Amino acid sequence: MTAELDFEAWTCPVPLRDTPFVVMGHGGGGAMSGELVEHLFLPAFGDAAAPGLADSAVITAGGARLAFSTDSYVVKPMFFPGGSIGDLAVNGTVNDLAMSGATPLYLSTAFILQEGTALADIRRIARAMGTAASAAGVQLVTGDTKVVDSASGDGVYVNTAGVGIVPDGVVIGPTRAAPGDAILISGDIGVHGVAVMSCREGLEFGTTIASDTAALHGLVADMIATDADIHVLRDPTRGGVAASLNEIARAAMVGVELVERALPIPAEVRDACSLLGLDPLQVANEGKLIAFVPEDTADQVLEAMRAHPHGAGSKRIGRCVPEHPGTVVARTALGGTRVVSMPIGEQLPRIC
């Protein structure tokens, strides 16, 4: 007797974009996330939605220019080589503020806790948040805690929001990318995502891959101190370098050309991505930034980045061009080019 196959129970590894339900890809920072914001949230918000939504908004209040950002963290497992959901939440929000050129000042902390989670784990996460906040020079000033039943959560989810001050004269944003800009990155690509995946899947690569989670506002301050007109800063988290560069290219309607051999991808990250069938350019980072700066100041900014501990591995990886606006391409070692596409959904769910 042949068993009947339940086709409705099957799942597709690539989320279908035409779906009436939320799928994991909607949270991946790629095309599906963008569609959710553009076609559902913004129309629903109507006139209440601010134009030019970004990871952090720059607003004016009482004569001061403030950067404001919020983010939620659902990483699994909660503890991984090099960090935890606690320091990830603090550093991630600090970095979102820093990408506007802001000096981060205050953070809120909100927890959704699953019934049955060990208090020892929650204490460990809270301590990691306190340590990261102290190291970043920010205060945790307000918060909230909710508990859901054991069937409705998965350990601990964390939301952080942050406020910072943007210095006068500093205007940094994705629409400022311009042809002729040099594109810089502060270090190795794909480390955080592979660190979490190796821990989650029990993979071993002959060496421990630790997350690169770090607060980058000090690095940004040193870059701004060069007096270079920094056009764009972005921390390539969900969707990785590919998503960040595609978003910038589309926001400014410019072309982006990468030099493939210049991309700083560690051998262990290449090996892991090859094993798992992943593109390193689409793997999340949590302690790296991308900068678009005018060509005539690129070397000066690069020198300042390399002088900072979090930018010692900084490299020039490409340039902004007038051709193929809105598209990112990579120049290969053989002299050809390939399109670096925006991820549709999420290669690695629950990474940040």
C-alpha atoms as a PDB file:
ATOM      1  CA  MET A   1       0.000   0.000   0.000  1.00  0.00           C
ATOM      2  CA  THR A   2       1.387   3.356  -1.017  1.00  0.00           C
ATOM      3  CA  ALA A   3       1.241   6.031   1.651  1.00  0.00           C
ATOM      4  CA  GLU A   4      -0.441   9.274   0.643  1.00  0.00           C
ATOM      5  CA  LEU A   5       1.822  12.293   0.504  1.00  0.00           C
ATOM      6  CA  ASP A   6       0.692  15.408   2.354  1.00  0.00           C
ATOM      7  CA  PHE A   7       1.927  18.055  -0.087  1.00  0.00           C
ATOM      8  CA  GLU A   8       0.366  20.872   1.977  1.00  0.00           C
ATOM      9  CA  ALA A   9       2.758  20.041   4.820  1.00  0.00           C
ATOM     10  CA  TRP A  10       5.812  20.502   2.608  1.00  0.00           C
ATOM     11  CA  THR A  11       7.857  23.691   2.915  1.00  0.00           C
ATOM     12  CA  CYS A  12       9.916  25.486   0.313  1.00  0.00           C
ATOM     13  CA  PRO A  13      13.505  26.421   1.299  1.00  0.00           C
ATOM     14  CA  VAL A  14      13.077  29.775  -0.461  1.00  0.00           C
ATOM     15  CA  PRO A  15      10.040  31.620   0.965  1.00  0.00           C
ATOM     16  CA  LEU A  16       7.353  32.358  -1.591  1.00  0.00           C
ATOM     17  CA  ARG A  17       6.896  36.106  -1.942  1.00  0.00           C
ATOM     18  CA  ASP A  18       3.224  35.885  -2.871  1.00  0.00           C
ATOM     19  CA  THR A  19       1.854  34.604   0.437  1.00  0.00           C
ATOM     20  CA  PRO A  20      -0.982  35.750   2.703  1.00  0.00           C
ATOM     21  CA  PHE A  21       0.968  34.691   5.805  1.00  0.00           C
ATOM     22  CA  VAL A  22       4.136  35.743   7.561  1.00  0.00           C
ATOM     23  CA  VAL A  23       7.125  33.530   6.760  1.00  0.00           C
ATOM     24  CA  MET A  24      10.643  33.579   8.182  1.00  0.00           C
ATOM     25  CA  GLY A  25      11.924  35.486   5.172  1.00  0.00           C
ATOM     26  CA  HIS A  26       9.901  38.542   6.165  1.00  0.00           C
ATOM     27  CA  GLY A  27      12.344  39.072   9.040  1.00  0.00           C
ATOM     28  CA  GLY A  28      15.549  38.567   7.089  1.00  0.00           C
ATOM     29  CA  GLY A  29      16.377  42.138   6.105  1.00  0.00           C
ATOM     30  CA  GLY A  30      16.125  41.347   2.385  1.00  0.00           C
ATOM     31  CA  ALA A  31      13.581  41.928  -0.353  1.00  0.00           C
ATOM     32  CA  MET A  32      10.728  40.335   1.591  1.00  0.00           C
ATOM     33  CA  SER A  33      11.354  42.589   4.595  1.00  0.00           C
ATOM     34  CA  GLY A  34      11.338  45.602   2.294  1.00  0.00           C
ATOM     35  CA  GLU A  35       8.084  44.536   0.699  1.00  0.00           C
ATOM     36  CA  LEU A  36       6.462  44.063   4.103  1.00  0.00           C
ATOM     37  CA  VAL A  37       7.419  47.611   5.103  1.00  0.00           C
ATOM     38  CA  GLU A  38       6.559  49.199   1.759  1.00  0.00           C
ATOM     39  CA  HIS A  39       3.300  47.425   0.989  1.00  0.00           C
ATOM     40  CA  LEU A  40       1.858  46.726   4.451  1.00  0.00           C
ATOM     41  CA  PHE A  41       3.261  48.894   7.241  1.00  0.00           C
ATOM     42  CA  LEU A  42       3.701  52.221   5.455  1.00  0.00           C
ATOM     43  CA  PRO A  43       0.225  52.243   3.843  1.00  0.00           C
ATOM     44  CA  ALA A  44      -1.292  51.199   7.179  1.00  0.00           C
ATOM     45  CA  PHE A  45       0.579  53.952   9.059  1.00  0.00           C
ATOM     46  CA  GLY A  46      -0.580  56.564   6.556  1.00  0.00           C
ATOM     47  CA  ASP A  47       0.364  60.165   7.363  1.00  0.00           C
ATOM     48  CA  ALA A  48       1.871  59.071  10.691  1.00  0.00           C
ATOM     49  CA  ALA A  49       4.805  57.409   8.907  1.00  0.00           C
ATOM     50  CA  ALA A  50       7.959  59.496   8.637  1.00  0.00           C
ATOM     51  CA  PRO A  51       9.577  59.730   5.177  1.00  0.00           C
ATOM     52  CA  GLY A  52      12.850  57.961   4.483  1.00  0.00           C
ATOM     53  CA  LEU A  53      12.627  55.284   7.162  1.00  0.00           C
ATOM     54  CA  ALA A  54      16.058  53.944   8.139  1.00  0.00           C
ATOM     55  CA  ASP A  55      17.730  51.987  10.942  1.00  0.00           C
ATOM     56  CA  SER A  56      17.887  55.230  12.902  1.00  0.00           C
ATOM     57  CA  ALA A  57      16.036  58.495  12.413  1.00  0.00           C
ATOM     58  CA  VAL A  58      17.586  61.931  12.899  1.00  0.00           C
ATOM     59  CA  ILE A  59      15.089  64.301  14.476  1.00  0.00           C
ATOM     60  CA  THR A  60      15.265  67.786  15.987  1.00  0.00           C
ATOM     61  CA  ALA A  61      13.988  68.412  19.516  1.00  0.00           C
ATOM     62  CA  GLY A  62      14.631  71.485  21.637  1.00  0.00           C
ATOM     63  CA  GLY A  63      17.261  72.674  19.188  1.00  0.00           C
ATOM     64  CA  ALA A  64      19.261  69.434  19.414  1.00  0.00           C
ATOM     65  CA  ARG A  65      19.727  66.923  16.592  1.00  0.00           C
ATOM     66  CA  LEU A  66      18.866  63.512  18.000  1.00  0.00           C
ATOM     67  CA  ALA A  67      19.263  60.051  16.504  1.00  0.00           C
ATOM     68  CA  PHE A  68      16.612  57.546  17.580  1.00  0.00           C
ATOM     69  CA  SER A  69      16.550  53.823  16.887  1.00  0.00           C
ATOM     70  CA  THR A  70      14.866  50.618  18.040  1.00  0.00           C
ATOM     71  CA  ASP A  71      15.549  46.965  17.348  1.00  0.00           C
ATOM     72  CA  SER A  72      14.497  43.510  18.544  1.00  0.00           C
ATOM     73  CA  TYR A  73      16.745  40.493  19.055  1.00  0.00           C
ATOM     74  CA  VAL A  74      15.645  36.869  18.752  1.00  0.00           C
ATOM     75  CA  VAL A  75      19.003  35.139  18.218  1.00  0.00           C
ATOM     76  CA  LYS A  76      19.159  31.385  18.737  1.00  0.00           C
ATOM     77  CA  PRO A  77      21.044  30.136  20.699  1.00  0.00           C
ATOM     78  CA  MET A  78      21.034  32.945  23.254  1.00  0.00           C
ATOM     79  CA  PHE A  79      24.738  32.336  24.019  1.00  0.00           C
ATOM     80  CA  PHE A  80      27.289  31.818  21.262  1.00  0.00           C
ATOM     81  CA  PRO A  81      31.082  32.101  20.811  1.00  0.00           C
ATOM     82  CA  GLY A  82      32.053  35.722  21.353  1.00  0.00           C
ATOM     83  CA  GLY A  83      28.794  36.990  22.825  1.00  0.00           C
ATOM     84  CA  SER A  84      25.153  36.583  23.759  1.00  0.00           C
ATOM     85  CA  ILE A  85      21.773  38.088  23.002  1.00  0.00           C
ATOM     86  CA  GLY A  86      22.516  40.596  25.792  1.00  0.00           C
ATOM     87  CA  ASP A  87      25.614  42.339  24.443  1.00  0.00           C
ATOM     88  CA  LEU A  88      24.279  41.887  20.903  1.00  0.00           C
ATOM     89  CA  ALA A  89      21.184  43.938  21.792  1.00  0.00           C
ATOM     90  CA  VAL A  90      23.214  46.783  23.299  1.00  0.00           C
ATOM     91  CA  ASN A  91      25.874  46.870  20.602  1.00  0.00           C
ATOM     92  CA  GLY A  92      23.344  46.577  17.790  1.00  0.00           C
ATOM     93  CA  THR A  93      21.342  49.600  18.893  1.00  0.00           C
ATOM     94  CA  VAL A  94      24.479  51.616  19.676  1.00  0.00           C
ATOM     95  CA  ASN A  95      25.665  50.871  16.130  1.00  0.00           C
ATOM     96  CA  ASP A  96      22.379  51.886  14.525  1.00  0.00           C
ATOM     97  CA  LEU A  97      22.757  55.277  16.228  1.00  0.00           C
ATOM     98  CA  ALA A  98      26.418  55.516  15.254  1.00  0.00           C
ATOM     99  CA  MET A  99      25.591  54.961  11.573  1.00  0.00           C
ATOM    100  CA  SER A 100      23.900  58.376  11.677  1.00  0.00           C
ATOM    101  CA  GLY A 101      27.097  59.862  13.123  1.00  0.00           C
ATOM    102  CA  ALA A 102      25.525  60.109  16.587  1.00  0.00           C
ATOM    103  CA  THR A 103      27.112  59.777  19.995  1.00  0.00           C
ATOM    104  CA  PRO A 104      24.854  57.204  21.739  1.00  0.00           C
ATOM    105  CA  LEU A 105      23.614  58.250  25.185  1.00  0.00           C
ATOM    106  CA  TYR A 106      20.590  56.324  26.475  1.00  0.00           C
ATOM    107  CA  LEU A 107      19.016  52.928  25.826  1.00  0.00           C
ATOM    108  CA  SER A 108      15.782  51.271  26.872  1.00  0.00           C
ATOM    109  CA  THR A 109      15.589  47.533  27.537  1.00  0.00           C
ATOM    110  CA  ALA A 110      12.491  45.362  27.145  1.00  0.00           C
ATOM    111  CA  PHE A 111      12.345  41.603  27.696  1.00  0.00           C
ATOM    112  CA  ILE A 112       9.877  38.953  26.587  1.00  0.00           C
ATOM    113  CA  LEU A 113      10.597  35.889  28.712  1.00  0.00           C
ATOM    114  CA  GLN A 114       9.287  32.395  28.143  1.00  0.00           C
ATOM    115  CA  GLU A 115       7.830  30.693  31.188  1.00  0.00           C
ATOM    116  CA  GLY A 116      10.300  28.090  32.424  1.00  0.00           C
ATOM    117  CA  THR A 117      13.454  29.907  31.329  1.00  0.00           C
ATOM    118  CA  ALA A 118      16.217  29.558  33.911  1.00  0.00           C
ATOM    119  CA  LEU A 119      16.727  32.690  35.985  1.00  0.00           C
ATOM    120  CA  ALA A 120      20.468  32.003  35.796  1.00  0.00           C
ATOM    121  CA  ASP A 121      20.302  32.499  32.009  1.00  0.00           C
ATOM    122  CA  ILE A 122      18.341  35.731  32.360  1.00  0.00           C
ATOM    123  CA  ARG A 123      20.851  37.012  34.919  1.00  0.00           C
ATOM    124  CA  ARG A 124      23.717  36.135  32.563  1.00  0.00           C
ATOM    125  CA  ILE A 125      22.035  38.043  29.716  1.00  0.00           C
ATOM    126  CA  ALA A 126      21.317  41.060  31.928  1.00  0.00           C
ATOM    127  CA  ARG A 127      24.901  41.162  33.142  1.00  0.00           C
ATOM    128  CA  ALA A 128      26.153  41.016  29.553  1.00  0.00           C
ATOM    129  CA  MET A 129      23.922  43.978  28.723  1.00  0.00           C
ATOM    130  CA  GLY A 130      25.226  45.949  31.688  1.00  0.00           C
ATOM    131  CA  THR A 131      28.833  45.212  30.777  1.00  0.00           C
ATOM    132  CA  ALA A 132      28.298  46.163  27.120  1.00  0.00           C
ATOM    133  CA  ALA A 133      26.472  49.375  28.056  1.00  0.00           C
ATOM    134  CA  SER A 134      29.251  50.405  30.453  1.00  0.00           C
ATOM    135  CA  ALA A 135      31.896  49.695  27.816  1.00  0.00           C
ATOM    136  CA  ALA A 136      29.952  51.790  25.280  1.00  0.00           C
ATOM    137  CA  GLY A 137      29.386  54.637  27.726  1.00  0.00           C
ATOM    138  CA  VAL A 138      25.590  54.495  27.514  1.00  0.00           C
ATOM    139  CA  GLN A 139      22.988  54.265  30.271  1.00  0.00           C
ATOM    140  CA  LEU A 140      20.096  51.791  30.444  1.00  0.00           C
ATOM    141  CA  VAL A 141      17.389  54.201  31.589  1.00  0.00           C
ATOM    142  CA  THR A 142      13.996  52.499  31.176  1.00  0.00           C
ATOM    143  CA  GLY A 143      12.510  49.148  30.293  1.00  0.00           C
ATOM    144  CA  ASP A 144       9.756  46.569  30.498  1.00  0.00           C
ATOM    145  CA  THR A 145       9.326  42.837  31.139  1.00  0.00           C
ATOM    146  CA  LYS A 146       6.632  40.491  29.875  1.00  0.00           C
ATOM    147  CA  VAL A 147       6.286  36.724  30.366  1.00  0.00           C
ATOM    148  CA  VAL A 148       4.592  34.399  27.877  1.00  0.00           C
ATOM    149  CA  ASP A 149       3.576  30.802  28.476  1.00  0.00           C
ATOM    150  CA  SER A 150       5.918  27.956  27.653  1.00  0.00           C
ATOM    151  CA  ALA A 151       4.295  27.285  24.277  1.00  0.00           C
ATOM    152  CA  SER A 152       4.444  30.894  23.074  1.00  0.00           C
ATOM    153  CA  GLY A 153       8.108  31.849  23.196  1.00  0.00           C
ATOM    154  CA  ASP A 154      11.633  30.567  22.860  1.00  0.00           C
ATOM    155  CA  GLY A 155      13.666  31.578  25.891  1.00  0.00           C
ATOM    156  CA  VAL A 156      14.373  35.307  25.822  1.00  0.00           C
ATOM    157  CA  TYR A 157      13.606  38.024  23.284  1.00  0.00           C
ATOM    158  CA  VAL A 158      15.082  41.495  23.826  1.00  0.00           C
ATOM    159  CA  ASN A 159      14.062  44.889  22.462  1.00  0.00           C
ATOM    160  CA  THR A 160      16.319  47.910  22.834  1.00  0.00           C
ATOM    161  CA  ALA A 161      15.728  51.508  21.755  1.00  0.00           C
ATOM    162  CA  GLY A 162      18.358  54.211  21.845  1.00  0.00           C
ATOM    163  CA  VAL A 163      18.873  57.961  21.675  1.00  0.00           C
ATOM    164  CA  GLY A 164      22.035  59.844  20.752  1.00  0.00           C
ATOM    165  CA  ILE A 165      23.252  63.320  19.803  1.00  0.00           C
ATOM    166  CA  VAL A 166      24.261  64.075  16.209  1.00  0.00           C
ATOM    167  CA  PRO A 167      27.019  66.720  15.957  1.00  0.00           C
ATOM    168  CA  ASP A 168      26.317  69.885  13.996  1.00  0.00           C
ATOM    169  CA  GLY A 169      27.361  69.630  10.365  1.00  0.00           C
ATOM    170  CA  VAL A 170      27.281  65.824  10.285  1.00  0.00           C
ATOM    171  CA  VAL A 171      24.847  64.583   7.642  1.00  0.00           C
ATOM    172  CA  ILE A 172      25.164  60.882   6.902  1.00  0.00           C
ATOM    173  CA  GLY A 173      22.574  58.849   5.047  1.00  0.00           C
ATOM    174  CA  PRO A 174      22.061  56.350   2.206  1.00  0.00           C
ATOM    175  CA  THR A 175      20.772  58.936  -0.274  1.00  0.00           C
ATOM    176  CA  ARG A 176      24.131  60.763  -0.143  1.00  0.00           C
ATOM    177  CA  ALA A 177      26.064  58.014  -1.945  1.00  0.00           C
ATOM    178  CA  ALA A 178      27.548  59.559  -5.092  1.00  0.00           C
ATOM    179  CA  PRO A 179      29.477  58.351  -8.144  1.00  0.00           C
ATOM    180  CA  GLY A 180      33.178  58.496  -7.391  1.00  0.00           C
ATOM    181  CA  ASP A 181      32.795  57.504  -3.744  1.00  0.00           C
ATOM    182  CA  ALA A 182      35.212  54.909  -2.425  1.00  0.00           C
ATOM    183  CA  ILE A 183      33.595  52.040  -0.495  1.00  0.00           C
ATOM    184  CA  LEU A 184      35.380  50.942   2.664  1.00  0.00           C
ATOM    185  CA  ILE A 185      34.700  48.134   5.137  1.00  0.00           C
ATOM    186  CA  SER A 186      36.094  47.895   8.654  1.00  0.00           C
ATOM    187  CA  GLY A 187      37.068  44.216   8.658  1.00  0.00           C
ATOM    188  CA  ASP A 188      36.219  40.598   7.913  1.00  0.00           C
ATOM    189  CA  ILE A 189      32.826  39.661   6.474  1.00  0.00           C
ATOM    190  CA  GLY A 190      30.365  37.009   7.691  1.00  0.00           C
ATOM    191  CA  VAL A 191      31.981  36.210  11.034  1.00  0.00           C
ATOM    192  CA  HIS A 192      28.963  36.705  13.307  1.00  0.00           C
ATOM    193  CA  GLY A 193      26.542  34.643  11.230  1.00  0.00           C
ATOM    194  CA  VAL A 194      28.944  31.741  10.906  1.00  0.00           C
ATOM    195  CA  ALA A 195      29.784  31.870  14.639  1.00  0.00           C
ATOM    196  CA  VAL A 196      26.112  31.514  15.547  1.00  0.00           C
ATOM    197  CA  MET A 197      25.476  28.817  12.954  1.00  0.00           C
ATOM    198  CA  SER A 198      28.513  26.778  13.990  1.00  0.00           C
ATOM    199  CA  CYS A 199      27.276  26.814  17.584  1.00  0.00           C
ATOM    200  CA  ARG A 200      23.692  26.052  16.580  1.00  0.00           C
ATOM    201  CA  GLU A 201      24.521  23.183  14.262  1.00  0.00           C
ATOM    202  CA  GLY A 202      27.527  21.795  16.179  1.00  0.00           C
ATOM    203  CA  LEU A 203      29.857  22.455  13.246  1.00  0.00           C
ATOM    204  CA  GLU A 204      33.628  22.451  13.736  1.00  0.00           C
ATOM    205  CA  PHE A 205      36.150  24.101  11.433  1.00  0.00           C
ATOM    206  CA  GLY A 206      39.422  23.384  13.237  1.00  0.00           C
ATOM    207  CA  THR A 207      39.285  26.755  14.994  1.00  0.00           C
ATOM    208  CA  THR A 208      36.725  28.623  17.077  1.00  0.00           C
ATOM    209  CA  ILE A 209      34.848  31.273  15.112  1.00  0.00           C
ATOM    210  CA  ALA A 210      33.761  33.994  17.530  1.00  0.00           C
ATOM    211  CA  SER A 211      31.143  36.655  16.835  1.00  0.00           C
ATOM    212  CA  ASP A 212      32.455  40.116  15.950  1.00  0.00           C
ATOM    213  CA  THR A 213      29.783  41.897  18.019  1.00  0.00           C
ATOM    214  CA  ALA A 214      31.135  45.286  19.128  1.00  0.00           C
ATOM    215  CA  ALA A 215      30.054  48.889  19.621  1.00  0.00           C
ATOM    216  CA  LEU A 216      31.361  50.984  16.730  1.00  0.00           C
ATOM    217  CA  HIS A 217      30.614  54.569  17.784  1.00  0.00           C
ATOM    218  CA  GLY A 218      34.230  55.165  18.810  1.00  0.00           C
ATOM    219  CA  LEU A 219      35.409  54.100  15.373  1.00  0.00           C
ATOM    220  CA  VAL A 220      32.821  56.365  13.754  1.00  0.00           C
ATOM    221  CA  ALA A 221      33.905  59.294  15.939  1.00  0.00           C
ATOM    222  CA  ASP A 222      37.510  58.856  14.777  1.00  0.00           C
ATOM    223  CA  MET A 223      36.344  58.781  11.156  1.00  0.00           C
ATOM    224  CA  ILE A 224      34.322  61.966  11.610  1.00  0.00           C
ATOM    225  CA  ALA A 225      37.300  63.613  13.317  1.00  0.00           C
ATOM    226  CA  THR A 226      39.211  63.479  10.007  1.00  0.00           C
ATOM    227  CA  ASP A 227      36.796  66.183   8.749  1.00  0.00           C
ATOM    228  CA  ALA A 228      36.106  64.064   5.675  1.00  0.00           C
ATOM    229  CA  ASP A 229      32.595  64.439   4.261  1.00  0.00           C
ATOM    230  CA  ILE A 230      31.411  60.917   5.053  1.00  0.00           C
ATOM    231  CA  HIS A 231      28.407  60.245   2.840  1.00  0.00           C
ATOM    232  CA  VAL A 232      27.074  56.893   4.075  1.00  0.00           C
ATOM    233  CA  LEU A 233      27.654  54.555   7.001  1.00  0.00           C
ATOM    234  CA  ARG A 234      25.927  51.205   7.411  1.00  0.00           C
ATOM    235  CA  ASP A 235      26.406  48.204   9.668  1.00  0.00           C
ATOM    236  CA  PRO A 236      25.679  45.172   7.470  1.00  0.00           C
ATOM    237  CA  THR A 237      23.648  43.042   9.875  1.00  0.00           C
ATOM    238  CA  ARG A 238      20.620  41.090   8.564  1.00  0.00           C
ATOM    239  CA  GLY A 239      21.108  40.322   4.876  1.00  0.00           C
ATOM    240  CA  GLY A 240      24.816  41.038   5.182  1.00  0.00           C
ATOM    241  CA  VAL A 241      26.926  43.207   2.900  1.00  0.00           C
ATOM    242  CA  ALA A 242      24.760  42.324  -0.107  1.00  0.00           C
ATOM    243  CA  ALA A 243      21.556  43.692   1.429  1.00  0.00           C
ATOM    244  CA  SER A 244      23.210  46.848   2.769  1.00  0.00           C
ATOM    245  CA  LEU A 245      24.862  47.755  -0.531  1.00  0.00           C
ATOM    246  CA  ASN A 246      21.697  47.072  -2.524  1.00  0.00           C
ATOM    247  CA  GLU A 247      19.672  49.289  -0.183  1.00  0.00           C
ATOM    248  CA  ILE A 248      22.201  52.115  -0.540  1.00  0.00           C
ATOM    249  CA  ALA A 249      22.393  51.747  -4.324  1.00  0.00           C
ATOM    250  CA  ARG A 250      18.609  51.940  -4.629  1.00  0.00           C
ATOM    251  CA  ALA A 251      18.223  54.795  -2.158  1.00  0.00           C
ATOM    252  CA  ALA A 252      20.724  56.986  -4.036  1.00  0.00           C
ATOM    253  CA  MET A 253      20.083  55.473  -7.484  1.00  0.00           C
ATOM    254  CA  VAL A 254      23.759  54.861  -8.094  1.00  0.00           C
ATOM    255  CA  GLY A 255      25.715  51.817  -9.167  1.00  0.00           C
ATOM    256  CA  VAL A 256      28.017  49.918  -6.841  1.00  0.00           C
ATOM    257  CA  GLU A 257      31.029  48.024  -8.140  1.00  0.00           C
ATOM    258  CA  LEU A 258      32.894  45.668  -5.815  1.00  0.00           C
ATOM    259  CA  VAL A 259      36.316  44.116  -6.382  1.00  0.00           C
ATOM    260  CA  GLU A 260      35.718  40.480  -5.508  1.00  0.00           C
ATOM    261  CA  ARG A 261      39.329  39.661  -4.620  1.00  0.00           C
ATOM    262  CA  ALA A 262      39.414  42.648  -2.212  1.00  0.00           C
ATOM    263  CA  LEU A 263      36.533  41.355  -0.077  1.00  0.00           C
ATOM    264  CA  PRO A 264      37.913  40.333   3.349  1.00  0.00           C
ATOM    265  CA  ILE A 265      36.307  36.924   3.805  1.00  0.00           C
ATOM    266  CA  PRO A 266      38.212  34.660   6.250  1.00  0.00           C
ATOM    267  CA  ALA A 267      39.016  31.150   5.089  1.00  0.00           C
ATOM    268  CA  GLU A 268      36.881  29.579   7.842  1.00  0.00           C
ATOM    269  CA  VAL A 269      33.895  31.693   6.763  1.00  0.00           C
ATOM    270  CA  ARG A 270      34.398  30.655   3.121  1.00  0.00           C
ATOM    271  CA  ASP A 271      34.637  27.006   4.164  1.00  0.00           C
ATOM    272  CA  ALA A 272      31.518  27.197   6.333  1.00  0.00           C
ATOM    273  CA  CYS A 273      29.512  28.975   3.652  1.00  0.00           C
ATOM    274  CA  SER A 274      30.645  26.464   1.032  1.00  0.00           C
ATOM    275  CA  LEU A 275      29.579  23.604   3.308  1.00  0.00           C
ATOM    276  CA  LEU A 276      26.200  25.185   4.077  1.00  0.00           C
ATOM    277  CA  GLY A 277      25.527  26.519   0.576  1.00  0.00           C
ATOM    278  CA  LEU A 278      25.564  30.164   1.698  1.00  0.00           C
ATOM    279  CA  ASP A 279      26.837  33.373   0.110  1.00  0.00           C
ATOM    280  CA  PRO A 280      29.260  35.113   2.522  1.00  0.00           C
ATOM    281  CA  LEU A 281      28.031  38.486   1.268  1.00  0.00           C
ATOM    282  CA  GLN A 282      24.548  37.663   2.576  1.00  0.00           C
ATOM    283  CA  VAL A 283      25.682  36.512   6.036  1.00  0.00           C
ATOM    284  CA  ALA A 284      25.039  38.825   9.000  1.00  0.00           C
ATOM    285  CA  ASN A 285      27.767  40.875  10.677  1.00  0.00           C
ATOM    286  CA  GLU A 286      27.497  42.553  14.074  1.00  0.00           C
ATOM    287  CA  GLY A 287      30.739  44.492  14.526  1.00  0.00           C
ATOM    288  CA  LYS A 288      31.561  45.841  11.078  1.00  0.00           C
ATOM    289  CA  LEU A 289      30.631  48.943   9.119  1.00  0.00           C
ATOM    290  CA  ILE A 290      30.579  50.010   5.478  1.00  0.00           C
ATOM    291  CA  ALA A 291      31.484  53.590   4.561  1.00  0.00           C
ATOM    292  CA  PHE A 292      30.992  55.611   1.371  1.00  0.00           C
ATOM    293  CA  VAL A 293      33.450  58.510   1.266  1.00  0.00           C
ATOM    294  CA  PRO A 294      34.706  60.834  -1.503  1.00  0.00           C
ATOM    295  CA  GLU A 295      37.713  59.379  -3.287  1.00  0.00           C
ATOM    296  CA  ASP A 296      39.985  62.296  -2.366  1.00  0.00           C
ATOM    297  CA  THR A 297      39.551  61.596   1.371  1.00  0.00           C
ATOM    298  CA  ALA A 298      39.396  57.787   1.233  1.00  0.00           C
ATOM    299  CA  ASP A 299      43.017  57.173   2.250  1.00  0.00           C
ATOM    300  CA  GLN A 300      42.706  59.616   5.145  1.00  0.00           C
ATOM    301  CA  VAL A 301      39.556  57.907   6.453  1.00  0.00           C
ATOM    302  CA  LEU A 302      41.052  54.464   5.909  1.00  0.00           C
ATOM    303  CA  GLU A 303      44.116  55.448   7.965  1.00  0.00           C
ATOM    304  CA  ALA A 304      41.899  56.618  10.826  1.00  0.00           C
ATOM    305  CA  MET A 305      39.882  53.393  10.677  1.00  0.00           C
ATOM    306  CA  ARG A 306      42.988  51.204  10.793  1.00  0.00           C
ATOM    307  CA  ALA A 307      44.259  53.095  13.834  1.00  0.00           C
ATOM    308  CA  HIS A 308      41.178  52.046  15.831  1.00  0.00           C
ATOM    309  CA  PRO A 309      40.959  48.545  17.386  1.00  0.00           C
ATOM    310  CA  HIS A 310      37.625  47.851  15.689  1.00  0.00           C
ATOM    311  CA  GLY A 311      38.914  48.984  12.288  1.00  0.00           C
ATOM    312  CA  ALA A 312      42.383  47.413  12.164  1.00  0.00           C
ATOM    313  CA  GLY A 313      41.348  45.205   9.242  1.00  0.00           C
ATOM    314  CA  SER A 314      39.746  47.984   7.209  1.00  0.00           C
ATOM    315  CA  LYS A 315      39.965  47.719   3.431  1.00  0.00           C
ATOM    316  CA  ARG A 316      38.788  49.431   0.270  1.00  0.00           C
ATOM    317  CA  ILE A 317      36.367  47.024  -1.429  1.00  0.00           C
ATOM    318  CA  GLY A 318      34.886  48.997  -4.321  1.00  0.00           C
ATOM    319  CA  ARG A 319      33.507  52.229  -5.659  1.00  0.00           C
ATOM    320  CA  CYS A 320      30.291  54.015  -6.470  1.00  0.00           C
ATOM    321  CA  VAL A 321      29.672  54.445 -10.214  1.00  0.00           C
ATOM    322  CA  PRO A 322      27.088  56.197 -12.416  1.00  0.00           C
ATOM    323  CA  GLU A 323      26.464  53.054 -14.466  1.00  0.00           C
ATOM    324  CA  HIS A 324      23.739  50.491 -13.686  1.00  0.00           C
ATOM    325  CA  PRO A 325      21.974  52.671 -11.050  1.00  0.00           C
ATOM    326  CA  GLY A 326      20.358  50.709  -8.255  1.00  0.00           C
ATOM    327  CA  THR A 327      22.457  47.603  -8.942  1.00  0.00           C
ATOM    328  CA  VAL A 328      25.464  46.079  -7.191  1.00  0.00           C
ATOM    329  CA  VAL A 329      28.011  44.133  -9.227  1.00  0.00           C
ATOM    330  CA  ALA A 330      31.259  42.396  -8.335  1.00  0.00           C
ATOM    331  CA  ARG A 331      34.277  42.375 -10.626  1.00  0.00           C
ATOM    332  CA  THR A 332      35.721  38.861 -10.629  1.00  0.00           C
ATOM    333  CA  ALA A 333      39.362  37.793 -10.742  1.00  0.00           C
ATOM    334  CA  LEU A 334      38.844  36.753 -14.369  1.00  0.00           C
ATOM    335  CA  GLY A 335      37.828  40.279 -15.367  1.00  0.00           C
ATOM    336  CA  GLY A 336      34.110  39.626 -15.683  1.00  0.00           C
ATOM    337  CA  THR A 337      31.303  40.922 -13.494  1.00  0.00           C
ATOM    338  CA  ARG A 338      28.428  39.314 -11.656  1.00  0.00           C
ATOM    339  CA  VAL A 339      25.353  40.853 -10.106  1.00  0.00           C
ATOM    340  CA  VAL A 340      25.245  40.826  -6.304  1.00  0.00           C
ATOM    341  CA  SER A 341      21.529  40.578  -5.710  1.00  0.00           C
ATOM    342  CA  MET A 342      19.429  41.603  -2.754  1.00  0.00           C
ATOM    343  CA  PRO A 343      18.613  38.518  -0.653  1.00  0.00           C
ATOM    344  CA  ILE A 344      14.959  37.535  -1.045  1.00  0.00           C
ATOM    345  CA  GLY A 345      14.468  36.273   2.468  1.00  0.00           C
ATOM    346  CA  GLU A 346      16.807  35.001   5.126  1.00  0.00           C
ATOM    347  CA  GLN A 347      19.662  32.538   4.640  1.00  0.00           C
ATOM    348  CA  LEU A 348      20.222  32.161   8.381  1.00  0.00           C
ATOM    349  CA  PRO A 349      17.148  32.750  10.535  1.00  0.00           C
ATOM    350  CA  ARG A 350      17.421  33.855  14.178  1.00  0.00           C
ATOM    351  CA  ILE A 351      20.981  35.239  13.757  1.00  0.00           C
ATOM    352  CA  CYS A 352      20.369  38.581  15.470  1.00  0.00           C
END
